[in-house]
Amino acid sequence: MFNYYFDKDRDAHPDTVRLFEKIADGKYDAYTSEYAVSELKKASDKDKRNKMLDLIEEYGLIVLKPAEEAKKLADIYVAADVIPEEYLADALHIAISSVNDIDIILSLNFRHIASKRTEEMTGNINMQNGYRRVDIRPPMEVVEDEET
């Protein structure tokens, strides 16, 4: 989602910026994780990479630390064919949110994270493993819901 903040040609750019503004206004407590930070650090464009990383501090996002509990839950998602093994990082994003009791995951990754199938299947796995379901939404749904 971080790259949508800067990519003005993408449809979700305005909603992503609006969401970050609401975070700045104190409307939401916002989190990211060391898993996401690690992915951001791999961005090939150094200038954009640094800008994306700066958003974390600028907007006061709380960075969740890696956890063995999250790794185990992510492995369950992969074993259940919810997330392909080669996209373990996506499973970790959901798992770290689940073990930290986060209400909602905001993602623009419609392939492996922000899909009804993923939300339902990870929700079922979470319930079977003592965690609650986590809503998974794109930022435009959160911003639109708030404005209606």
N, C-alpha and C. Protein backbone atom coordinates (compact mmCIF):
# COMPACT_ATOMS: atom_id res chain seq x y z
N MET A 1 0.82 -1.19 0.00
CA MET A 1 0.00 0.00 0.00
C MET A 1 0.86 1.26 0.00
N PHE A 2 2.05 1.16 0.57
CA PHE A 2 2.91 2.33 0.67
C PHE A 2 3.21 2.95 -0.70
N ASN A 3 3.41 2.11 -1.71
CA ASN A 3 3.76 2.68 -3.02
C ASN A 3 2.60 3.44 -3.65
N TYR A 4 1.36 3.11 -3.29
CA TYR A 4 0.21 3.82 -3.83
C TYR A 4 0.16 5.26 -3.32
N TYR A 5 0.76 5.50 -2.19
CA TYR A 5 0.81 6.85 -1.64
C TYR A 5 1.53 7.79 -2.60
N PHE A 6 2.55 7.27 -3.28
CA PHE A 6 3.37 8.10 -4.16
C PHE A 6 3.04 7.96 -5.64
N ASP A 7 2.36 6.90 -6.02
CA ASP A 7 2.08 6.64 -7.43
C ASP A 7 0.75 7.27 -7.82
N LYS A 8 0.81 8.50 -8.31
CA LYS A 8 -0.38 9.28 -8.61
C LYS A 8 -1.18 8.74 -9.78
N ASP A 9 -0.61 7.83 -10.56
CA ASP A 9 -1.30 7.26 -11.70
C ASP A 9 -2.17 6.06 -11.34
N ARG A 10 -2.09 5.61 -10.12
CA ARG A 10 -2.87 4.44 -9.71
C ARG A 10 -4.21 4.88 -9.14
N ASP A 11 -5.23 4.08 -9.41
CA ASP A 11 -6.58 4.41 -8.97
C ASP A 11 -6.70 4.62 -7.47
N ALA A 12 -5.97 3.86 -6.70
CA ALA A 12 -6.11 3.90 -5.24
C ALA A 12 -5.30 5.02 -4.59
N HIS A 13 -4.55 5.78 -5.37
CA HIS A 13 -3.71 6.84 -4.80
C HIS A 13 -4.49 7.82 -3.92
N PRO A 14 -5.57 8.44 -4.42
CA PRO A 14 -6.25 9.44 -3.59
C PRO A 14 -6.78 8.86 -2.28
N ASP A 15 -7.34 7.65 -2.34
CA ASP A 15 -7.88 7.03 -1.12
C ASP A 15 -6.77 6.66 -0.15
N THR A 16 -5.64 6.25 -0.68
CA THR A 16 -4.51 5.90 0.18
C THR A 16 -4.00 7.15 0.90
N VAL A 17 -3.86 8.24 0.19
CA VAL A 17 -3.41 9.49 0.81
C VAL A 17 -4.43 9.95 1.85
N ARG A 18 -5.72 9.87 1.52
CA ARG A 18 -6.76 10.26 2.47
C ARG A 18 -6.71 9.41 3.74
N LEU A 19 -6.45 8.13 3.56
CA LEU A 19 -6.35 7.25 4.71
C LEU A 19 -5.17 7.66 5.60
N PHE A 20 -4.03 7.93 5.00
CA PHE A 20 -2.88 8.37 5.78
C PHE A 20 -3.18 9.70 6.50
N GLU A 21 -3.93 10.57 5.86
CA GLU A 21 -4.30 11.83 6.51
C GLU A 21 -5.17 11.57 7.73
N LYS A 22 -6.06 10.61 7.64
CA LYS A 22 -6.91 10.26 8.78
C LYS A 22 -6.09 9.63 9.90
N ILE A 23 -5.06 8.90 9.53
CA ILE A 23 -4.14 8.37 10.53
C ILE A 23 -3.44 9.53 11.24
N ALA A 24 -2.99 10.50 10.48
CA ALA A 24 -2.32 11.68 11.05
C ALA A 24 -3.25 12.46 11.97
N ASP A 25 -4.54 12.49 11.64
CA ASP A 25 -5.53 13.20 12.46
C ASP A 25 -5.91 12.42 13.72
N GLY A 26 -5.37 11.21 13.87
CA GLY A 26 -5.67 10.41 15.05
C GLY A 26 -6.93 9.58 14.94
N LYS A 27 -7.51 9.51 13.76
CA LYS A 27 -8.75 8.73 13.56
C LYS A 27 -8.49 7.23 13.73
N TYR A 28 -7.31 6.78 13.33
CA TYR A 28 -6.97 5.36 13.41
C TYR A 28 -5.61 5.18 14.08
N ASP A 29 -5.49 4.09 14.81
CA ASP A 29 -4.18 3.61 15.23
C ASP A 29 -3.70 2.73 14.09
N ALA A 30 -2.53 3.04 13.56
CA ALA A 30 -2.06 2.31 12.38
C ALA A 30 -0.81 1.51 12.70
N TYR A 31 -0.75 0.34 12.09
CA TYR A 31 0.34 -0.58 12.32
C TYR A 31 0.92 -1.04 10.99
N THR A 32 2.16 -1.41 11.04
CA THR A 32 2.80 -2.16 9.97
C THR A 32 3.66 -3.18 10.70
N SER A 33 4.48 -3.89 9.99
CA SER A 33 5.29 -4.90 10.65
C SER A 33 6.71 -4.90 10.10
N GLU A 34 7.57 -5.54 10.83
CA GLU A 34 8.94 -5.71 10.35
C GLU A 34 8.94 -6.49 9.03
N TYR A 35 7.94 -7.34 8.84
CA TYR A 35 7.83 -8.08 7.58
C TYR A 35 7.61 -7.10 6.42
N ALA A 36 6.72 -6.13 6.62
CA ALA A 36 6.45 -5.13 5.59
C ALA A 36 7.67 -4.23 5.38
N VAL A 37 8.31 -3.85 6.46
CA VAL A 37 9.51 -3.01 6.37
C VAL A 37 10.58 -3.72 5.55
N SER A 38 10.74 -5.00 5.80
CA SER A 38 11.72 -5.79 5.05
C SER A 38 11.41 -5.77 3.56
N GLU A 39 10.14 -5.88 3.20
CA GLU A 39 9.75 -5.82 1.79
C GLU A 39 10.03 -4.44 1.20
N LEU A 40 9.72 -3.40 1.96
CA LEU A 40 9.96 -2.04 1.47
C LEU A 40 11.45 -1.82 1.21
N LYS A 41 12.28 -2.38 2.04
CA LYS A 41 13.73 -2.21 1.89
C LYS A 41 14.26 -2.87 0.62
N LYS A 42 13.48 -3.74 0.02
CA LYS A 42 13.90 -4.42 -1.21
C LYS A 42 13.52 -3.63 -2.47
N ALA A 43 12.80 -2.53 -2.31
CA ALA A 43 12.39 -1.73 -3.48
C ALA A 43 13.62 -1.27 -4.24
N SER A 44 13.60 -1.41 -5.55
CA SER A 44 14.77 -1.11 -6.36
C SER A 44 15.04 0.39 -6.51
N ASP A 45 13.99 1.20 -6.50
CA ASP A 45 14.14 2.64 -6.62
C ASP A 45 14.47 3.21 -5.24
N LYS A 46 15.73 3.59 -5.05
CA LYS A 46 16.21 4.02 -3.74
C LYS A 46 15.43 5.22 -3.20
N ASP A 47 15.16 6.20 -4.06
CA ASP A 47 14.43 7.39 -3.62
C ASP A 47 13.03 7.02 -3.14
N LYS A 48 12.33 6.23 -3.94
CA LYS A 48 10.97 5.82 -3.56
C LYS A 48 11.01 4.93 -2.32
N ARG A 49 12.00 4.04 -2.25
CA ARG A 49 12.15 3.17 -1.08
C ARG A 49 12.26 4.02 0.19
N ASN A 50 13.12 5.03 0.16
CA ASN A 50 13.31 5.88 1.34
C ASN A 50 12.04 6.66 1.68
N LYS A 51 11.33 7.13 0.66
CA LYS A 51 10.07 7.85 0.91
C LYS A 51 9.03 6.93 1.55
N MET A 52 8.94 5.69 1.05
CA MET A 52 7.97 4.75 1.62
C MET A 52 8.32 4.44 3.07
N LEU A 53 9.59 4.23 3.35
CA LEU A 53 10.02 3.95 4.72
C LEU A 53 9.77 5.17 5.62
N ASP A 54 9.93 6.35 5.09
CA ASP A 54 9.70 7.58 5.87
C ASP A 54 8.24 7.74 6.28
N LEU A 55 7.31 7.16 5.50
CA LEU A 55 5.90 7.25 5.86
C LEU A 55 5.63 6.64 7.24
N ILE A 56 6.38 5.62 7.58
CA ILE A 56 6.17 4.93 8.85
C ILE A 56 6.38 5.91 10.01
N GLU A 57 7.47 6.63 9.97
CA GLU A 57 7.75 7.61 11.03
C GLU A 57 6.85 8.84 10.91
N GLU A 58 6.69 9.33 9.70
CA GLU A 58 5.89 10.54 9.48
C GLU A 58 4.47 10.40 10.02
N TYR A 59 3.88 9.22 9.85
CA TYR A 59 2.50 9.01 10.28
C TYR A 59 2.39 8.23 11.59
N GLY A 60 3.53 7.96 12.22
CA GLY A 60 3.52 7.31 13.52
C GLY A 60 3.00 5.89 13.52
N LEU A 61 3.25 5.15 12.45
CA LEU A 61 2.81 3.77 12.41
C LEU A 61 3.59 2.94 13.43
N ILE A 62 2.90 2.11 14.12
CA ILE A 62 3.51 1.21 15.09
C ILE A 62 4.02 0.00 14.33
N VAL A 63 5.29 -0.33 14.51
CA VAL A 63 5.89 -1.45 13.78
C VAL A 63 5.86 -2.70 14.67
N LEU A 64 5.11 -3.69 14.22
CA LEU A 64 5.01 -4.95 14.95
C LEU A 64 6.26 -5.79 14.70
N LYS A 65 6.78 -6.37 15.75
CA LYS A 65 7.99 -7.18 15.66
C LYS A 65 7.65 -8.59 15.16
N PRO A 66 8.59 -9.23 14.50
CA PRO A 66 8.37 -10.62 14.08
C PRO A 66 8.07 -11.50 15.30
N ALA A 67 7.31 -12.52 15.09
CA ALA A 67 6.94 -13.41 16.19
C ALA A 67 6.88 -14.85 15.68
N GLU A 68 7.40 -15.75 16.47
CA GLU A 68 7.35 -17.17 16.11
C GLU A 68 5.90 -17.63 15.96
N GLU A 69 5.04 -17.09 16.80
CA GLU A 69 3.61 -17.40 16.74
C GLU A 69 3.04 -17.04 15.37
N ALA A 70 3.44 -15.89 14.83
CA ALA A 70 2.97 -15.46 13.51
C ALA A 70 3.54 -16.37 12.43
N LYS A 71 4.79 -16.75 12.55
CA LYS A 71 5.41 -17.66 11.57
C LYS A 71 4.65 -18.98 11.52
N LYS A 72 4.30 -19.51 12.67
CA LYS A 72 3.55 -20.77 12.72
C LYS A 72 2.18 -20.63 12.06
N LEU A 73 1.50 -19.52 12.34
CA LEU A 73 0.18 -19.30 11.75
C LEU A 73 0.30 -19.11 10.24
N ALA A 74 1.31 -18.37 9.79
CA ALA A 74 1.53 -18.19 8.35
C ALA A 74 1.79 -19.54 7.67
N ASP A 75 2.54 -20.40 8.32
CA ASP A 75 2.81 -21.73 7.78
C ASP A 75 1.52 -22.54 7.63
N ILE A 76 0.59 -22.34 8.55
CA ILE A 76 -0.70 -23.02 8.46
C ILE A 76 -1.48 -22.51 7.25
N TYR A 77 -1.46 -21.20 7.03
CA TYR A 77 -2.12 -20.63 5.85
C TYR A 77 -1.55 -21.24 4.57
N VAL A 78 -0.24 -21.36 4.52
CA VAL A 78 0.41 -21.93 3.33
C VAL A 78 0.05 -23.40 3.18
N ALA A 79 0.11 -24.16 4.26
CA ALA A 79 -0.20 -25.60 4.21
C ALA A 79 -1.65 -25.84 3.78
N ALA A 80 -2.53 -24.91 4.11
CA ALA A 80 -3.95 -25.03 3.74
C ALA A 80 -4.23 -24.47 2.35
N ASP A 81 -3.19 -24.08 1.62
CA ASP A 81 -3.32 -23.53 0.27
C ASP A 81 -4.12 -22.23 0.22
N VAL A 82 -4.06 -21.47 1.29
CA VAL A 82 -4.68 -20.15 1.28
C VAL A 82 -3.75 -19.18 0.56
N ILE A 83 -2.48 -19.25 0.88
CA ILE A 83 -1.45 -18.40 0.29
C ILE A 83 -0.39 -19.33 -0.30
N PRO A 84 0.04 -19.12 -1.54
CA PRO A 84 1.10 -19.97 -2.11
C PRO A 84 2.41 -19.82 -1.32
N GLU A 85 3.14 -20.89 -1.25
CA GLU A 85 4.39 -20.91 -0.47
C GLU A 85 5.37 -19.82 -0.90
N GLU A 86 5.42 -19.54 -2.20
CA GLU A 86 6.36 -18.52 -2.68
C GLU A 86 5.95 -17.10 -2.27
N TYR A 87 4.76 -16.95 -1.69
CA TYR A 87 4.30 -15.67 -1.20
C TYR A 87 4.11 -15.70 0.32
N LEU A 88 5.04 -16.36 0.99
CA LEU A 88 4.99 -16.48 2.45
C LEU A 88 4.90 -15.11 3.11
N ALA A 89 5.54 -14.10 2.54
CA ALA A 89 5.48 -12.75 3.11
C ALA A 89 4.03 -12.28 3.23
N ASP A 90 3.19 -12.61 2.26
CA ASP A 90 1.78 -12.23 2.33
C ASP A 90 1.09 -12.94 3.49
N ALA A 91 1.40 -14.19 3.68
CA ALA A 91 0.84 -14.94 4.81
C ALA A 91 1.31 -14.34 6.13
N LEU A 92 2.56 -13.92 6.18
CA LEU A 92 3.09 -13.30 7.40
C LEU A 92 2.39 -11.99 7.72
N HIS A 93 2.02 -11.21 6.70
CA HIS A 93 1.30 -9.96 6.94
C HIS A 93 -0.03 -10.24 7.65
N ILE A 94 -0.73 -11.24 7.19
CA ILE A 94 -2.01 -11.58 7.80
C ILE A 94 -1.80 -12.16 9.20
N ALA A 95 -0.83 -13.05 9.32
CA ALA A 95 -0.59 -13.72 10.59
C ALA A 95 -0.13 -12.75 11.69
N ILE A 96 0.76 -11.82 11.37
CA ILE A 96 1.22 -10.90 12.40
C ILE A 96 0.08 -10.01 12.88
N SER A 97 -0.83 -9.68 11.98
CA SER A 97 -2.01 -8.91 12.37
C SER A 97 -2.91 -9.75 13.27
N SER A 98 -3.05 -11.01 12.93
CA SER A 98 -3.92 -11.90 13.70
C SER A 98 -3.41 -12.11 15.12
N VAL A 99 -2.13 -12.39 15.26
CA VAL A 99 -1.59 -12.67 16.60
C VAL A 99 -1.51 -11.41 17.46
N ASN A 100 -1.55 -10.25 16.82
CA ASN A 100 -1.54 -8.99 17.56
C ASN A 100 -2.93 -8.39 17.73
N ASP A 101 -3.96 -9.16 17.36
CA ASP A 101 -5.35 -8.77 17.55
C ASP A 101 -5.70 -7.44 16.87
N ILE A 102 -5.20 -7.27 15.66
CA ILE A 102 -5.49 -6.08 14.86
C ILE A 102 -6.88 -6.23 14.25
N ASP A 103 -7.65 -5.17 14.22
CA ASP A 103 -9.04 -5.23 13.74
C ASP A 103 -9.14 -5.46 12.24
N ILE A 104 -8.30 -4.75 11.48
CA ILE A 104 -8.46 -4.78 10.03
C ILE A 104 -7.10 -4.67 9.36
N ILE A 105 -6.94 -5.41 8.31
CA ILE A 105 -5.75 -5.33 7.47
C ILE A 105 -6.14 -4.53 6.24
N LEU A 106 -5.36 -3.51 5.95
CA LEU A 106 -5.59 -2.73 4.74
C LEU A 106 -4.55 -3.14 3.71
N SER A 107 -5.03 -3.55 2.56
CA SER A 107 -4.12 -4.04 1.53
C SER A 107 -4.71 -3.77 0.15
N LEU A 108 -3.81 -3.57 -0.78
CA LEU A 108 -4.18 -3.46 -2.19
C LEU A 108 -3.65 -4.65 -2.97
N ASN A 109 -3.25 -5.68 -2.26
CA ASN A 109 -2.80 -6.92 -2.87
C ASN A 109 -4.03 -7.81 -3.03
N PHE A 110 -4.70 -7.66 -4.18
CA PHE A 110 -5.94 -8.39 -4.41
C PHE A 110 -5.71 -9.85 -4.79
N ARG A 111 -4.50 -10.19 -5.08
CA ARG A 111 -4.20 -11.57 -5.47
C ARG A 111 -4.14 -12.51 -4.26
N HIS A 112 -3.41 -12.11 -3.21
CA HIS A 112 -3.20 -13.02 -2.10
C HIS A 112 -3.71 -12.54 -0.75
N ILE A 113 -4.04 -11.27 -0.62
CA ILE A 113 -4.44 -10.77 0.70
C ILE A 113 -5.88 -10.26 0.68
N ALA A 114 -6.15 -9.22 -0.07
CA ALA A 114 -7.46 -8.56 -0.04
C ALA A 114 -8.44 -9.26 -0.97
N SER A 115 -8.81 -10.47 -0.58
CA SER A 115 -9.82 -11.20 -1.35
C SER A 115 -10.77 -11.88 -0.37
N LYS A 116 -11.98 -12.08 -0.81
CA LYS A 116 -12.99 -12.74 0.03
C LYS A 116 -12.52 -14.13 0.44
N ARG A 117 -11.94 -14.85 -0.52
CA ARG A 117 -11.45 -16.21 -0.24
C ARG A 117 -10.40 -16.19 0.87
N THR A 118 -9.42 -15.30 0.75
CA THR A 118 -8.36 -15.24 1.76
C THR A 118 -8.93 -14.84 3.11
N GLU A 119 -9.81 -13.85 3.12
CA GLU A 119 -10.40 -13.41 4.39
C GLU A 119 -11.18 -14.54 5.06
N GLU A 120 -11.97 -15.27 4.28
CA GLU A 120 -12.76 -16.37 4.85
C GLU A 120 -11.87 -17.50 5.34
N MET A 121 -10.91 -17.90 4.52
CA MET A 121 -10.08 -19.05 4.88
C MET A 121 -9.14 -18.74 6.05
N THR A 122 -8.52 -17.55 6.04
CA THR A 122 -7.66 -17.21 7.18
C THR A 122 -8.51 -17.01 8.43
N GLY A 123 -9.71 -16.49 8.26
CA GLY A 123 -10.61 -16.34 9.40
C GLY A 123 -10.95 -17.67 10.04
N ASN A 124 -11.24 -18.67 9.22
CA ASN A 124 -11.54 -20.01 9.73
C ASN A 124 -10.32 -20.61 10.43
N ILE A 125 -9.17 -20.48 9.81
CA ILE A 125 -7.94 -21.00 10.42
C ILE A 125 -7.66 -20.28 11.74
N ASN A 126 -7.84 -18.97 11.74
CA ASN A 126 -7.62 -18.22 12.97
C ASN A 126 -8.51 -18.74 14.10
N MET A 127 -9.79 -18.92 13.80
CA MET A 127 -10.73 -19.40 14.81
C MET A 127 -10.33 -20.78 15.34
N GLN A 128 -9.86 -21.64 14.46
CA GLN A 128 -9.43 -22.98 14.86
C GLN A 128 -8.17 -22.95 15.72
N ASN A 129 -7.43 -21.85 15.64
CA ASN A 129 -6.17 -21.76 16.36
C ASN A 129 -6.19 -20.72 17.48
N GLY A 130 -7.37 -20.32 17.89
CA GLY A 130 -7.50 -19.45 19.06
C GLY A 130 -7.39 -17.95 18.79
N TYR A 131 -7.48 -17.56 17.54
CA TYR A 131 -7.44 -16.14 17.19
C TYR A 131 -8.79 -15.76 16.60
N ARG A 132 -9.06 -14.48 16.58
CA ARG A 132 -10.31 -14.04 15.96
C ARG A 132 -10.08 -13.74 14.48
N ARG A 133 -11.16 -13.63 13.76
CA ARG A 133 -11.10 -13.27 12.35
C ARG A 133 -10.62 -11.82 12.22
N VAL A 134 -9.89 -11.55 11.15
CA VAL A 134 -9.43 -10.19 10.86
C VAL A 134 -10.06 -9.77 9.54
N ASP A 135 -10.69 -8.60 9.54
CA ASP A 135 -11.23 -8.06 8.30
C ASP A 135 -10.07 -7.66 7.40
N ILE A 136 -10.22 -7.89 6.11
CA ILE A 136 -9.20 -7.49 5.13
C ILE A 136 -9.90 -6.64 4.08
N ARG A 137 -9.44 -5.39 3.95
CA ARG A 137 -10.10 -4.45 3.06
C ARG A 137 -9.07 -3.59 2.32
N PRO A 138 -9.43 -3.11 1.14
CA PRO A 138 -8.60 -2.08 0.50
C PRO A 138 -8.91 -0.74 1.18
N PRO A 139 -7.98 0.20 1.13
CA PRO A 139 -8.20 1.48 1.82
C PRO A 139 -9.43 2.24 1.33
N MET A 140 -9.77 2.08 0.05
CA MET A 140 -10.90 2.84 -0.47
C MET A 140 -12.21 2.43 0.21
N GLU A 141 -12.32 1.20 0.65
CA GLU A 141 -13.53 0.78 1.35
C GLU A 141 -13.62 1.44 2.72
N VAL A 142 -12.52 1.57 3.38
CA VAL A 142 -12.52 2.19 4.71
C VAL A 142 -12.84 3.67 4.60
N VAL A 143 -12.21 4.34 3.65
CA VAL A 143 -12.44 5.77 3.45
C VAL A 143 -13.87 6.02 3.00
N GLU A 144 -14.39 5.21 2.07
CA GLU A 144 -15.76 5.37 1.59
C GLU A 144 -16.76 5.12 2.70
N ASP A 145 -16.57 4.06 3.49
CA ASP A 145 -17.49 3.75 4.59
C ASP A 145 -17.58 4.91 5.56
N GLU A 146 -16.47 5.54 5.81
CA GLU A 146 -16.43 6.62 6.77
C GLU A 146 -17.14 7.87 6.24
N GLU A 147 -17.12 8.06 4.95
CA GLU A 147 -17.69 9.28 4.36
C GLU A 147 -19.18 9.15 4.05
N THR A 148 -19.72 7.95 4.14
CA THR A 148 -21.16 7.79 3.86
C THR A 148 -21.96 7.77 5.12
